[in-house]
Amino acid sequence: MQLVGTVFFNVSTVDALIGNLSTADTNALVWAPDMFGSICFIIASHLGWRAVRPRGSQRRRGGTNWWIAALNYVGSLFFMLAAIAALTLRTTGEELNTAIVNSGTLAGAWCFFVAAYLLLPPAAVAE
C-alpha cells in the first residue's frame, strides 16, 4: 500500500510541474493523486501499527518498532493534513491554506526521516 501511495505522490509531483493548469485540472491532476497517496500512506501506517501492536496486546510502548510505527503513522497524518489543505479553491485559484500545506509536509517528512533513521542497524563497535 505504501508503494501505491508513493506512486500517487510521484504522479501529483510531476503533474504539479505542468504550467497553466486550470483550477479543475489542478484539483484533478495534482490534488486528487495527493489525496489518494495520503490515504494509501494512512492505510499502510495503520497496518504497520497493527503489526507492532495487535488488538488486545498489552505490549508496552517505547520499543524501537513501536516508535517506527508511531512516527510513520503520525507522519502519514501530517501528509493527509497537508493534502487536504492543498485543495485549490475555485473562487480564488489558491490553495486552501499554504501554511498548513508546507508545515504538514515538512512535519510528515521529518517523521518519516526519523523513523527511517531508527531502522538503521546499530554501528559496530571497533575494538
C-alpha atoms as a PDB file:
ATOM      1  CA  MET A   1       0.000   0.000   0.000  1.00  0.00           C
ATOM      2  CA  GLN A   2       2.928   2.336   0.751  1.00  0.00           C
ATOM      3  CA  LEU A   3       4.269   1.720  -2.758  1.00  0.00           C
ATOM      4  CA  VAL A   4       0.916   2.659  -4.291  1.00  0.00           C
ATOM      5  CA  GLY A   5       0.874   5.838  -2.190  1.00  0.00           C
ATOM      6  CA  THR A   6       4.377   6.699  -3.341  1.00  0.00           C
ATOM      7  CA  VAL A   7       3.334   6.280  -6.982  1.00  0.00           C
ATOM      8  CA  PHE A   8       0.363   8.608  -6.398  1.00  0.00           C
ATOM      9  CA  PHE A   9       2.667  11.194  -4.799  1.00  0.00           C
ATOM     10  CA  ASN A  10       5.065  10.988  -7.734  1.00  0.00           C
ATOM     11  CA  VAL A  11       2.202  11.455 -10.207  1.00  0.00           C
ATOM     12  CA  SER A  12       0.995  14.540  -8.334  1.00  0.00           C
ATOM     13  CA  THR A  13       4.545  15.939  -8.215  1.00  0.00           C
ATOM     14  CA  VAL A  14       5.080  15.513 -11.965  1.00  0.00           C
ATOM     15  CA  ASP A  15       1.655  16.963 -12.744  1.00  0.00           C
ATOM     16  CA  ALA A  16       2.360  19.950 -10.469  1.00  0.00           C
ATOM     17  CA  LEU A  17       5.223  20.883 -12.791  1.00  0.00           C
ATOM     18  CA  ILE A  18       2.793  21.424 -15.665  1.00  0.00           C
ATOM     19  CA  GLY A  19       2.228  25.136 -16.080  1.00  0.00           C
ATOM     20  CA  ASN A  20      -1.042  26.994 -16.593  1.00  0.00           C
ATOM     21  CA  LEU A  21      -3.430  24.360 -15.257  1.00  0.00           C
ATOM     22  CA  SER A  22      -6.985  25.427 -14.559  1.00  0.00           C
ATOM     23  CA  THR A  23      -8.339  25.045 -11.035  1.00  0.00           C
ATOM     24  CA  ALA A  24     -10.291  21.944 -12.056  1.00  0.00           C
ATOM     25  CA  ASP A  25      -7.216  20.436 -13.730  1.00  0.00           C
ATOM     26  CA  THR A  26      -5.048  21.212 -10.716  1.00  0.00           C
ATOM     27  CA  ASN A  27      -7.512  19.501  -8.397  1.00  0.00           C
ATOM     28  CA  ALA A  28      -7.839  16.505 -10.721  1.00  0.00           C
ATOM     29  CA  LEU A  29      -4.187  16.055 -11.700  1.00  0.00           C
ATOM     30  CA  VAL A  30      -2.334  17.264  -8.611  1.00  0.00           C
ATOM     31  CA  TRP A  31      -4.657  17.312  -5.605  1.00  0.00           C
ATOM     32  CA  ALA A  32      -6.533  14.035  -6.222  1.00  0.00           C
ATOM     33  CA  PRO A  33      -3.395  11.847  -6.554  1.00  0.00           C
ATOM     34  CA  ASP A  34      -2.002  13.594  -3.472  1.00  0.00           C
ATOM     35  CA  MET A  35      -5.155  12.698  -1.509  1.00  0.00           C
ATOM     36  CA  PHE A  36      -5.135   9.094  -2.762  1.00  0.00           C
ATOM     37  CA  GLY A  37      -1.443   8.827  -1.858  1.00  0.00           C
ATOM     38  CA  SER A  38      -2.171  10.150   1.623  1.00  0.00           C
ATOM     39  CA  ILE A  39      -4.989   7.647   2.081  1.00  0.00           C
ATOM     40  CA  CYS A  40      -2.669   4.827   0.989  1.00  0.00           C
ATOM     41  CA  PHE A  41       0.010   6.006   3.444  1.00  0.00           C
ATOM     42  CA  ILE A  42      -2.509   6.082   6.316  1.00  0.00           C
ATOM     43  CA  ILE A  43      -3.699   2.561   5.470  1.00  0.00           C
ATOM     44  CA  ALA A  44      -0.092   1.293   5.280  1.00  0.00           C
ATOM     45  CA  SER A  45       0.744   3.037   8.561  1.00  0.00           C
ATOM     46  CA  HIS A  46      -2.307   1.560  10.245  1.00  0.00           C
ATOM     47  CA  LEU A  47      -1.341  -1.921   9.074  1.00  0.00           C
ATOM     48  CA  GLY A  48       2.194  -1.352  10.356  1.00  0.00           C
ATOM     49  CA  TRP A  49       0.827  -0.145  13.672  1.00  0.00           C
ATOM     50  CA  ARG A  50      -1.404  -3.225  13.928  1.00  0.00           C
ATOM     51  CA  ALA A  51       1.595  -5.470  13.250  1.00  0.00           C
ATOM     52  CA  VAL A  52       3.512  -3.855  16.102  1.00  0.00           C
ATOM     53  CA  ARG A  53       0.606  -3.625  18.489  1.00  0.00           C
ATOM     54  CA  PRO A  54      -2.167  -6.111  17.671  1.00  0.00           C
ATOM     55  CA  ARG A  55      -5.604  -5.603  19.194  1.00  0.00           C
ATOM     56  CA  GLY A  56      -5.736  -6.708  22.806  1.00  0.00           C
ATOM     57  CA  SER A  57      -1.964  -6.625  23.139  1.00  0.00           C
ATOM     58  CA  GLN A  58      -0.528  -5.475  26.434  1.00  0.00           C
ATOM     59  CA  ARG A  59       2.845  -4.585  24.922  1.00  0.00           C
ATOM     60  CA  ARG A  60       4.336  -1.501  26.415  1.00  0.00           C
ATOM     61  CA  ARG A  61       5.215   1.402  24.215  1.00  0.00           C
ATOM     62  CA  GLY A  62       8.734   2.598  23.809  1.00  0.00           C
ATOM     63  CA  GLY A  63      10.457  -0.126  21.804  1.00  0.00           C
ATOM     64  CA  THR A  64      12.139   0.760  18.512  1.00  0.00           C
ATOM     65  CA  ASN A  65       9.459  -0.969  16.410  1.00  0.00           C
ATOM     66  CA  TRP A  66       6.763   0.882  18.325  1.00  0.00           C
ATOM     67  CA  TRP A  67       8.449   4.248  17.655  1.00  0.00           C
ATOM     68  CA  ILE A  68       8.954   3.471  13.966  1.00  0.00           C
ATOM     69  CA  ALA A  69       5.280   2.544  13.538  1.00  0.00           C
ATOM     70  CA  ALA A  70       4.121   5.556  15.578  1.00  0.00           C
ATOM     71  CA  LEU A  71       6.308   8.013  13.646  1.00  0.00           C
ATOM     72  CA  ASN A  72       5.134   6.617  10.302  1.00  0.00           C
ATOM     73  CA  TYR A  73       1.513   6.903  11.428  1.00  0.00           C
ATOM     74  CA  VAL A  74       1.922  10.489  12.659  1.00  0.00           C
ATOM     75  CA  GLY A  75       3.861  11.393   9.502  1.00  0.00           C
ATOM     76  CA  SER A  76       1.066   9.974   7.366  1.00  0.00           C
ATOM     77  CA  LEU A  77      -1.485  12.051   9.264  1.00  0.00           C
ATOM     78  CA  PHE A  78       0.608  15.181   8.665  1.00  0.00           C
ATOM     79  CA  PHE A  79       0.772  14.330   4.938  1.00  0.00           C
ATOM     80  CA  MET A  80      -3.023  13.904   4.896  1.00  0.00           C
ATOM     81  CA  LEU A  81      -3.487  17.265   6.617  1.00  0.00           C
ATOM     82  CA  ALA A  82      -1.193  18.868   4.021  1.00  0.00           C
ATOM     83  CA  ALA A  83      -3.108  17.193   1.191  1.00  0.00           C
ATOM     84  CA  ILE A  84      -6.456  18.437   2.465  1.00  0.00           C
ATOM     85  CA  ALA A  85      -5.096  21.987   2.785  1.00  0.00           C
ATOM     86  CA  ALA A  86      -3.714  21.827  -0.773  1.00  0.00           C
ATOM     87  CA  LEU A  87      -7.175  21.794  -2.356  1.00  0.00           C
ATOM     88  CA  THR A  88      -7.316  24.614  -4.893  1.00  0.00           C
ATOM     89  CA  LEU A  89     -10.308  26.869  -4.325  1.00  0.00           C
ATOM     90  CA  ARG A  90     -12.401  27.601  -7.406  1.00  0.00           C
ATOM     91  CA  THR A  91     -13.134  31.126  -6.244  1.00  0.00           C
ATOM     92  CA  THR A  92      -9.533  32.297  -5.845  1.00  0.00           C
ATOM     93  CA  GLY A  93      -7.396  29.679  -7.595  1.00  0.00           C
ATOM     94  CA  GLU A  94      -5.293  29.479  -4.411  1.00  0.00           C
ATOM     95  CA  GLU A  95      -4.675  26.589  -2.052  1.00  0.00           C
ATOM     96  CA  LEU A  96      -6.970  26.299   0.936  1.00  0.00           C
ATOM     97  CA  ASN A  97      -4.063  27.015   3.328  1.00  0.00           C
ATOM     98  CA  THR A  98      -0.476  27.177   2.071  1.00  0.00           C
ATOM     99  CA  ALA A  99       0.993  27.380   5.586  1.00  0.00           C
ATOM    100  CA  ILE A 100      -0.638  24.053   6.529  1.00  0.00           C
ATOM    101  CA  VAL A 101       0.492  22.514   3.232  1.00  0.00           C
ATOM    102  CA  ASN A 102       4.104  23.470   3.896  1.00  0.00           C
ATOM    103  CA  SER A 103       4.201  22.733   7.624  1.00  0.00           C
ATOM    104  CA  GLY A 104       2.271  19.464   7.273  1.00  0.00           C
ATOM    105  CA  THR A 105       4.553  18.266   4.502  1.00  0.00           C
ATOM    106  CA  LEU A 106       7.660  19.221   6.497  1.00  0.00           C
ATOM    107  CA  ALA A 107       6.401  17.569   9.686  1.00  0.00           C
ATOM    108  CA  GLY A 108       5.429  14.403   7.789  1.00  0.00           C
ATOM    109  CA  ALA A 109       8.819  14.270   6.106  1.00  0.00           C
ATOM    110  CA  TRP A 110      10.622  14.675   9.435  1.00  0.00           C
ATOM    111  CA  CYS A 111       8.556  11.879  10.991  1.00  0.00           C
ATOM    112  CA  PHE A 112       9.384   9.573   8.083  1.00  0.00           C
ATOM    113  CA  PHE A 113      13.061  10.608   8.233  1.00  0.00           C
ATOM    114  CA  VAL A 114      13.380   9.833  11.950  1.00  0.00           C
ATOM    115  CA  ALA A 115      11.523   6.520  11.502  1.00  0.00           C
ATOM    116  CA  ALA A 116      13.892   5.579   8.664  1.00  0.00           C
ATOM    117  CA  TYR A 117      16.879   6.514  10.841  1.00  0.00           C
ATOM    118  CA  LEU A 118      15.578   4.191  13.565  1.00  0.00           C
ATOM    119  CA  LEU A 119      15.596   1.353  11.011  1.00  0.00           C
ATOM    120  CA  LEU A 120      19.371   1.610  10.598  1.00  0.00           C
ATOM    121  CA  PRO A 121      21.296  -1.231  12.233  1.00  0.00           C
ATOM    122  CA  PRO A 122      23.456  -0.264  15.206  1.00  0.00           C
ATOM    123  CA  ALA A 123      27.021   0.663  14.360  1.00  0.00           C
ATOM    124  CA  ALA A 124      29.629  -1.962  15.112  1.00  0.00           C
ATOM    125  CA  VAL A 125      31.970  -1.049  17.938  1.00  0.00           C
ATOM    126  CA  ALA A 126      35.626  -1.137  16.896  1.00  0.00           C
ATOM    127  CA  GLU A 127      37.873  -2.960  19.339  1.00  0.00           C
END
